[in-house]
PDB file of N, CA and C in Angstrom:
ATOM      1  N   MET A   1     -28.826  33.215 -64.009  1.00  0.00           N
ATOM      2  CA  MET A   1     -27.732  32.361 -64.422  1.00  0.00           C
ATOM      3  C   MET A   1     -28.070  30.940 -63.979  1.00  0.00           C
ATOM      4  N   THR A   2     -27.820  30.002 -64.847  1.00  0.00           N
ATOM      5  CA  THR A   2     -28.137  28.605 -64.549  1.00  0.00           C
ATOM      6  C   THR A   2     -26.947  27.900 -63.904  1.00  0.00           C
ATOM      7  N   PRO A   3     -27.188  26.803 -63.204  1.00  0.00           N
ATOM      8  CA  PRO A   3     -26.069  26.035 -62.633  1.00  0.00           C
ATOM      9  C   PRO A   3     -25.075  25.561 -63.698  1.00  0.00           C
ATOM     10  N   GLU A   4     -25.563  25.256 -64.900  1.00  0.00           N
ATOM     11  CA  GLU A   4     -24.669  24.825 -65.980  1.00  0.00           C
ATOM     12  C   GLU A   4     -23.725  25.953 -66.389  1.00  0.00           C
ATOM     13  N   THR A   5     -24.244  27.177 -66.420  1.00  0.00           N
ATOM     14  CA  THR A   5     -23.407  28.330 -66.757  1.00  0.00           C
ATOM     15  C   THR A   5     -22.366  28.563 -65.667  1.00  0.00           C
ATOM     16  N   LEU A   6     -22.775  28.419 -64.411  1.00  0.00           N
ATOM     17  CA  LEU A   6     -21.816  28.550 -63.312  1.00  0.00           C
ATOM     18  C   LEU A   6     -20.676  27.542 -63.463  1.00  0.00           C
ATOM     19  N   ASP A   7     -21.021  26.302 -63.791  1.00  0.00           N
ATOM     20  CA  ASP A   7     -19.992  25.269 -63.984  1.00  0.00           C
ATOM     21  C   ASP A   7     -19.084  25.607 -65.157  1.00  0.00           C
ATOM     22  N   THR A   8     -19.660  26.084 -66.242  1.00  0.00           N
ATOM     23  CA  THR A   8     -18.869  26.430 -67.421  1.00  0.00           C
ATOM     24  C   THR A   8     -17.886  27.550 -67.111  1.00  0.00           C
ATOM     25  N   LEU A   9     -18.315  28.509 -66.311  1.00  0.00           N
ATOM     26  CA  LEU A   9     -17.449  29.639 -65.938  1.00  0.00           C
ATOM     27  C   LEU A   9     -16.542  29.328 -64.754  1.00  0.00           C
ATOM     28  N   HIS A  10     -16.669  28.123 -64.194  1.00  0.00           N
ATOM     29  CA  HIS A  10     -15.880  27.690 -63.036  1.00  0.00           C
ATOM     30  C   HIS A  10     -16.155  28.553 -61.809  1.00  0.00           C
ATOM     31  N   LEU A  11     -17.409  28.970 -61.648  1.00  0.00           N
ATOM     32  CA  LEU A  11     -17.817  29.779 -60.500  1.00  0.00           C
ATOM     33  C   LEU A  11     -18.588  28.912 -59.514  1.00  0.00           C
ATOM     34  N   THR A  12     -18.382  29.174 -58.229  1.00  0.00           N
ATOM     35  CA  THR A  12     -19.187  28.545 -57.181  1.00  0.00           C
ATOM     36  C   THR A  12     -19.672  29.650 -56.255  1.00  0.00           C
ATOM     37  N   ILE A  13     -20.835  29.457 -55.678  1.00  0.00           N
ATOM     38  CA  ILE A  13     -21.389  30.426 -54.741  1.00  0.00           C
ATOM     39  C   ILE A  13     -21.738  29.687 -53.459  1.00  0.00           C
ATOM     40  N   LYS A  14     -21.308  30.274 -52.330  1.00  0.00           N
ATOM     41  CA  LYS A  14     -21.536  29.648 -51.026  1.00  0.00           C
ATOM     42  C   LYS A  14     -21.978  30.715 -50.030  1.00  0.00           C
ATOM     43  N   PRO A  15     -22.799  30.325 -49.042  1.00  0.00           N
ATOM     44  CA  PRO A  15     -23.182  31.275 -47.996  1.00  0.00           C
ATOM     45  C   PRO A  15     -21.951  31.740 -47.215  1.00  0.00           C
ATOM     46  N   ASP A  16     -21.995  32.991 -46.798  1.00  0.00           N
ATOM     47  CA  ASP A  16     -20.895  33.569 -46.022  1.00  0.00           C
ATOM     48  C   ASP A  16     -21.487  34.360 -44.864  1.00  0.00           C
ATOM     49  N   GLY A  17     -22.260  33.671 -44.031  1.00  0.00           N
ATOM     50  CA  GLY A  17     -22.931  34.339 -42.922  1.00  0.00           C
ATOM     51  C   GLY A  17     -24.354  34.685 -43.315  1.00  0.00           C
ATOM     52  N   GLU A  18     -25.013  35.418 -42.439  1.00  0.00           N
ATOM     53  CA  GLU A  18     -26.409  35.773 -42.682  1.00  0.00           C
ATOM     54  C   GLU A  18     -26.501  36.911 -43.683  1.00  0.00           C
ATOM     55  N   GLY A  19     -27.211  36.690 -44.788  1.00  0.00           N
ATOM     56  CA  GLY A  19     -27.396  37.731 -45.798  1.00  0.00           C
ATOM     57  C   GLY A  19     -26.153  38.035 -46.600  1.00  0.00           C
ATOM     58  N   ALA A  20     -25.272  37.051 -46.762  1.00  0.00           N
ATOM     59  CA  ALA A  20     -24.049  37.272 -47.530  1.00  0.00           C
ATOM     60  C   ALA A  20     -23.640  35.989 -48.245  1.00  0.00           C
ATOM     61  N   TYR A  21     -23.020  36.163 -49.403  1.00  0.00           N
ATOM     62  CA  TYR A  21     -22.509  35.040 -50.183  1.00  0.00           C
ATOM     63  C   TYR A  21     -21.127  35.383 -50.694  1.00  0.00           C
ATOM     64  N   VAL A  22     -20.331  34.361 -50.915  1.00  0.00           N
ATOM     65  CA  VAL A  22     -19.022  34.533 -51.526  1.00  0.00           C
ATOM     66  C   VAL A  22     -19.013  33.722 -52.822  1.00  0.00           C
ATOM     67  N   VAL A  23     -18.478  34.333 -53.862  1.00  0.00           N
ATOM     68  CA  VAL A  23     -18.364  33.679 -55.167  1.00  0.00           C
ATOM     69  C   VAL A  23     -16.888  33.398 -55.397  1.00  0.00           C
ATOM     70  N   THR A  24     -16.581  32.148 -55.722  1.00  0.00           N
ATOM     71  CA  THR A  24     -15.192  31.785 -55.983  1.00  0.00           C
ATOM     72  C   THR A  24     -15.052  31.294 -57.421  1.00  0.00           C
ATOM     73  N   ARG A  25     -13.860  31.453 -57.952  1.00  0.00           N
ATOM     74  CA  ARG A  25     -13.524  30.936 -59.280  1.00  0.00           C
ATOM     75  C   ARG A  25     -12.169  30.265 -59.176  1.00  0.00           C
ATOM     76  N   ASP A  26     -12.157  28.989 -59.474  1.00  0.00           N
ATOM     77  CA  ASP A  26     -10.930  28.188 -59.379  1.00  0.00           C
ATOM     78  C   ASP A  26     -10.316  28.265 -57.988  1.00  0.00           C
ATOM     79  N   GLY A  27     -11.140  28.298 -56.959  1.00  0.00           N
ATOM     80  CA  GLY A  27     -10.670  28.287 -55.583  1.00  0.00           C
ATOM     81  C   GLY A  27     -10.299  29.640 -55.004  1.00  0.00           C
ATOM     82  N   ALA A  28     -10.332  30.699 -55.802  1.00  0.00           N
ATOM     83  CA  ALA A  28      -9.997  32.039 -55.320  1.00  0.00           C
ATOM     84  C   ALA A  28     -11.265  32.890 -55.268  1.00  0.00           C
ATOM     85  N   VAL A  29     -11.334  33.785 -54.299  1.00  0.00           N
ATOM     86  CA  VAL A  29     -12.513  34.650 -54.162  1.00  0.00           C
ATOM     87  C   VAL A  29     -12.593  35.581 -55.368  1.00  0.00           C
ATOM     88  N   ALA A  30     -13.778  35.605 -55.984  1.00  0.00           N
ATOM     89  CA  ALA A  30     -14.012  36.483 -57.130  1.00  0.00           C
ATOM     90  C   ALA A  30     -14.917  37.653 -56.755  1.00  0.00           C
ATOM     91  N   ALA A  31     -15.891  37.407 -55.835  1.00  0.00           N
ATOM     92  CA  ALA A  31     -16.842  38.466 -55.471  1.00  0.00           C
ATOM     93  C   ALA A  31     -17.541  38.106 -54.163  1.00  0.00           C
ATOM     94  N   TRP A  32     -18.116  39.143 -53.533  1.00  0.00           N
ATOM     95  CA  TRP A  32     -18.947  38.982 -52.348  1.00  0.00           C
ATOM     96  C   TRP A  32     -20.286  39.631 -52.639  1.00  0.00           C
ATOM     97  N   PHE A  33     -21.353  39.031 -52.149  1.00  0.00           N
ATOM     98  CA  PHE A  33     -22.690  39.602 -52.244  1.00  0.00           C
ATOM     99  C   PHE A  33     -23.214  39.800 -50.835  1.00  0.00           C
ATOM    100  N   VAL A  34     -23.716  40.999 -50.547  1.00  0.00           N
ATOM    101  CA  VAL A  34     -24.222  41.309 -49.212  1.00  0.00           C
ATOM    102  C   VAL A  34     -25.590  41.961 -49.347  1.00  0.00           C
ATOM    103  N   ARG A  35     -26.542  41.493 -48.550  1.00  0.00           N
ATOM    104  CA  ARG A  35     -27.894  42.058 -48.544  1.00  0.00           C
ATOM    105  C   ARG A  35     -27.877  43.372 -47.774  1.00  0.00           C
ATOM    106  N   GLY A  36     -28.609  44.359 -48.283  1.00  0.00           N
ATOM    107  CA  GLY A  36     -28.676  45.660 -47.634  1.00  0.00           C
ATOM    108  C   GLY A  36     -29.316  45.581 -46.254  1.00  0.00           C
ATOM    109  N   LYS A  37     -28.877  46.441 -45.334  1.00  0.00           N
ATOM    110  CA  LYS A  37     -29.432  46.443 -43.974  1.00  0.00           C
ATOM    111  C   LYS A  37     -30.732  47.228 -43.886  1.00  0.00           C
ATOM    112  N   ARG A  38     -30.814  48.370 -44.573  1.00  0.00           N
ATOM    113  CA  ARG A  38     -32.037  49.175 -44.526  1.00  0.00           C
ATOM    114  C   ARG A  38     -33.089  48.664 -45.501  1.00  0.00           C
ATOM    115  N   ASP A  39     -32.669  48.360 -46.719  1.00  0.00           N
ATOM    116  CA  ASP A  39     -33.593  47.842 -47.738  1.00  0.00           C
ATOM    117  C   ASP A  39     -33.162  46.421 -48.069  1.00  0.00           C
ATOM    118  N   ARG A  40     -33.872  45.457 -47.509  1.00  0.00           N
ATOM    119  CA  ARG A  40     -33.481  44.049 -47.645  1.00  0.00           C
ATOM    120  C   ARG A  40     -33.682  43.509 -49.061  1.00  0.00           C
ATOM    121  N   THR A  41     -34.270  44.310 -49.970  1.00  0.00           N
ATOM    122  CA  THR A  41     -34.447  43.846 -51.340  1.00  0.00           C
ATOM    123  C   THR A  41     -33.278  44.224 -52.238  1.00  0.00           C
ATOM    124  N   ILE A  42     -32.328  44.989 -51.717  1.00  0.00           N
ATOM    125  CA  ILE A  42     -31.171  45.424 -52.495  1.00  0.00           C
ATOM    126  C   ILE A  42     -29.944  44.627 -52.044  1.00  0.00           C
ATOM    127  N   TRP A  43     -29.221  44.104 -53.014  1.00  0.00           N
ATOM    128  CA  TRP A  43     -27.967  43.399 -52.755  1.00  0.00           C
ATOM    129  C   TRP A  43     -26.823  44.217 -53.335  1.00  0.00           C
ATOM    130  N   THR A  44     -25.676  44.177 -52.678  1.00  0.00           N
ATOM    131  CA  THR A  44     -24.474  44.819 -53.180  1.00  0.00           C
ATOM    132  C   THR A  44     -23.452  43.744 -53.502  1.00  0.00           C
ATOM    133  N   ALA A  45     -22.874  43.842 -54.687  1.00  0.00           N
ATOM    134  CA  ALA A  45     -21.815  42.929 -55.100  1.00  0.00           C
ATOM    135  C   ALA A  45     -20.504  43.696 -55.126  1.00  0.00           C
ATOM    136  N   MET A  46     -19.442  43.060 -54.659  1.00  0.00           N
ATOM    137  CA  MET A  46     -18.118  43.655 -54.742  1.00  0.00           C
ATOM    138  C   MET A  46     -17.168  42.627 -55.321  1.00  0.00           C
ATOM    139  N   LEU A  47     -16.546  42.985 -56.439  1.00  0.00           N
ATOM    140  CA  LEU A  47     -15.538  42.108 -57.028  1.00  0.00           C
ATOM    141  C   LEU A  47     -14.270  42.167 -56.190  1.00  0.00           C
ATOM    142  N   ALA A  48     -13.403  41.210 -56.379  1.00  0.00           N
ATOM    143  CA  ALA A  48     -12.151  41.166 -55.624  1.00  0.00           C
ATOM    144  C   ALA A  48     -11.289  42.409 -55.887  1.00  0.00           C
ATOM    145  N   ASN A  49     -11.485  43.073 -57.038  1.00  0.00           N
ATOM    146  CA  ASN A  49     -10.705  44.280 -57.328  1.00  0.00           C
ATOM    147  C   ASN A  49     -11.319  45.540 -56.723  1.00  0.00           C
ATOM    148  N   GLY A  50     -12.484  45.402 -56.035  1.00  0.00           N
ATOM    149  CA  GLY A  50     -13.105  46.527 -55.348  1.00  0.00           C
ATOM    150  C   GLY A  50     -14.266  47.176 -56.088  1.00  0.00           C
ATOM    151  N   THR A  51     -14.577  46.737 -57.292  1.00  0.00           N
ATOM    152  CA  THR A  51     -15.684  47.292 -58.056  1.00  0.00           C
ATOM    153  C   THR A  51     -17.008  46.921 -57.403  1.00  0.00           C
ATOM    154  N   LEU A  52     -17.893  47.912 -57.217  1.00  0.00           N
ATOM    155  CA  LEU A  52     -19.182  47.699 -56.572  1.00  0.00           C
ATOM    156  C   LEU A  52     -20.327  47.776 -57.576  1.00  0.00           C
ATOM    157  N   HIS A  53     -21.392  47.030 -57.275  1.00  0.00           N
ATOM    158  CA  HIS A  53     -22.599  47.056 -58.099  1.00  0.00           C
ATOM    159  C   HIS A  53     -23.780  46.685 -57.212  1.00  0.00           C
ATOM    160  N   LYS A  54     -24.926  47.310 -57.442  1.00  0.00           N
ATOM    161  CA  LYS A  54     -26.138  46.981 -56.681  1.00  0.00           C
ATOM    162  C   LYS A  54     -27.153  46.327 -57.600  1.00  0.00           C
ATOM    163  N   GLY A  55     -27.921  45.392 -57.033  1.00  0.00           N
ATOM    164  CA  GLY A  55     -28.942  44.710 -57.804  1.00  0.00           C
ATOM    165  C   GLY A  55     -30.026  44.159 -56.899  1.00  0.00           C
ATOM    166  N   ARG A  56     -31.079  43.641 -57.507  1.00  0.00           N
ATOM    167  CA  ARG A  56     -32.212  43.118 -56.740  1.00  0.00           C
ATOM    168  C   ARG A  56     -32.178  41.611 -56.583  1.00  0.00           C
ATOM    169  N   THR A  57     -31.482  40.888 -57.466  1.00  0.00           N
ATOM    170  CA  THR A  57     -31.448  39.435 -57.365  1.00  0.00           C
ATOM    171  C   THR A  57     -30.014  38.922 -57.431  1.00  0.00           C
ATOM    172  N   ILE A  58     -29.814  37.758 -56.824  1.00  0.00           N
ATOM    173  CA  ILE A  58     -28.501  37.112 -56.864  1.00  0.00           C
ATOM    174  C   ILE A  58     -28.155  36.760 -58.313  1.00  0.00           C
ATOM    175  N   SER A  59     -29.139  36.326 -59.080  1.00  0.00           N
ATOM    176  CA  SER A  59     -28.897  35.964 -60.473  1.00  0.00           C
ATOM    177  C   SER A  59     -28.376  37.159 -61.278  1.00  0.00           C
ATOM    178  N   ASP A  60     -28.968  38.328 -61.082  1.00  0.00           N
ATOM    179  CA  ASP A  60     -28.483  39.533 -61.764  1.00  0.00           C
ATOM    180  C   ASP A  60     -27.050  39.851 -61.360  1.00  0.00           C
ATOM    181  N   LEU A  61     -26.753  39.704 -60.080  1.00  0.00           N
ATOM    182  CA  LEU A  61     -25.399  39.977 -59.608  1.00  0.00           C
ATOM    183  C   LEU A  61     -24.401  38.959 -60.144  1.00  0.00           C
ATOM    184  N   LEU A  62     -24.819  37.704 -60.270  1.00  0.00           N
ATOM    185  CA  LEU A  62     -23.940  36.687 -60.859  1.00  0.00           C
ATOM    186  C   LEU A  62     -23.656  36.998 -62.324  1.00  0.00           C
ATOM    187  N   ASP A  63     -24.674  37.435 -63.059  1.00  0.00           N
ATOM    188  CA  ASP A  63     -24.466  37.824 -64.458  1.00  0.00           C
ATOM    189  C   ASP A  63     -23.485  38.988 -64.548  1.00  0.00           C
ATOM    190  N   TRP A  64     -23.673  39.999 -63.709  1.00  0.00           N
ATOM    191  CA  TRP A  64     -22.776  41.153 -63.701  1.00  0.00           C
ATOM    192  C   TRP A  64     -21.358  40.728 -63.337  1.00  0.00           C
ATOM    193  N   THR A  65     -21.241  39.865 -62.338  1.00  0.00           N
ATOM    194  CA  THR A  65     -19.923  39.386 -61.917  1.00  0.00           C
ATOM    195  C   THR A  65     -19.227  38.663 -63.063  1.00  0.00           C
ATOM    196  N   ALA A  66     -19.933  37.762 -63.729  1.00  0.00           N
ATOM    197  CA  ALA A  66     -19.343  37.013 -64.840  1.00  0.00           C
ATOM    198  C   ALA A  66     -18.906  37.950 -65.966  1.00  0.00           C
ATOM    199  N   ASP A  67     -19.682  38.995 -66.228  1.00  0.00           N
ATOM    200  CA  ASP A  67     -19.327  39.950 -67.279  1.00  0.00           C
ATOM    201  C   ASP A  67     -18.109  40.790 -66.936  1.00  0.00           C
ATOM    202  N   ASN A  68     -17.827  40.957 -65.645  1.00  0.00           N
ATOM    203  CA  ASN A  68     -16.751  41.869 -65.228  1.00  0.00           C
ATOM    204  C   ASN A  68     -15.522  41.187 -64.658  1.00  0.00           C
ATOM    205  N   LEU A  69     -15.477  39.879 -64.692  1.00  0.00           N
ATOM    206  CA  LEU A  69     -14.291  39.176 -64.206  1.00  0.00           C
ATOM    207  C   LEU A  69     -13.174  39.232 -65.238  1.00  0.00           C
ATOM    208  N   PRO A  70     -11.922  39.289 -64.784  1.00  0.00           N
ATOM    209  CA  PRO A  70     -10.816  39.229 -65.738  1.00  0.00           C
ATOM    210  C   PRO A  70     -10.738  37.827 -66.361  1.00  0.00           C
ATOM    211  N   PRO A  71     -10.046  37.703 -67.479  1.00  0.00           N
ATOM    212  CA  PRO A  71      -9.906  36.378 -68.100  1.00  0.00           C
ATOM    213  C   PRO A  71      -9.249  35.386 -67.146  1.00  0.00           C
ATOM    214  N   ARG A  72      -9.623  34.105 -67.295  1.00  0.00           N
ATOM    215  CA  ARG A  72      -9.040  33.047 -66.454  1.00  0.00           C
ATOM    216  C   ARG A  72      -7.585  32.831 -66.806  1.00  0.00           C
ATOM    217  N   ARG A  73      -6.797  32.578 -65.786  1.00  0.00           N
ATOM    218  CA  ARG A  73      -5.404  32.180 -65.985  1.00  0.00           C
ATOM    219  C   ARG A  73      -5.329  30.679 -65.986  1.00  0.00           C
ATOM    220  N   ARG A  74      -4.523  30.130 -66.784  1.00  0.00           N
ATOM    221  CA  ARG A  74      -4.409  28.670 -66.846  1.00  0.00           C
ATOM    222  C   ARG A  74      -3.095  28.192 -66.350  1.00  0.00           C
TER     223      ARG A  74
END
């Protein structure tokens, strides 16, 4: 996912400690990404609704997150 796509979707990603990131949309938490403890090449994403997904790259997890977010409220 490119920075332009992140801006278009109103998503931001920020570090949340060691091996973790938080994704926000319009100021609210949309997802968390956490690096695996045993296998450091696997990341787990959890949406705010509790849906889990595993992937190898942050970009893949961002794509999955964008595909599974509910529509924006205005």
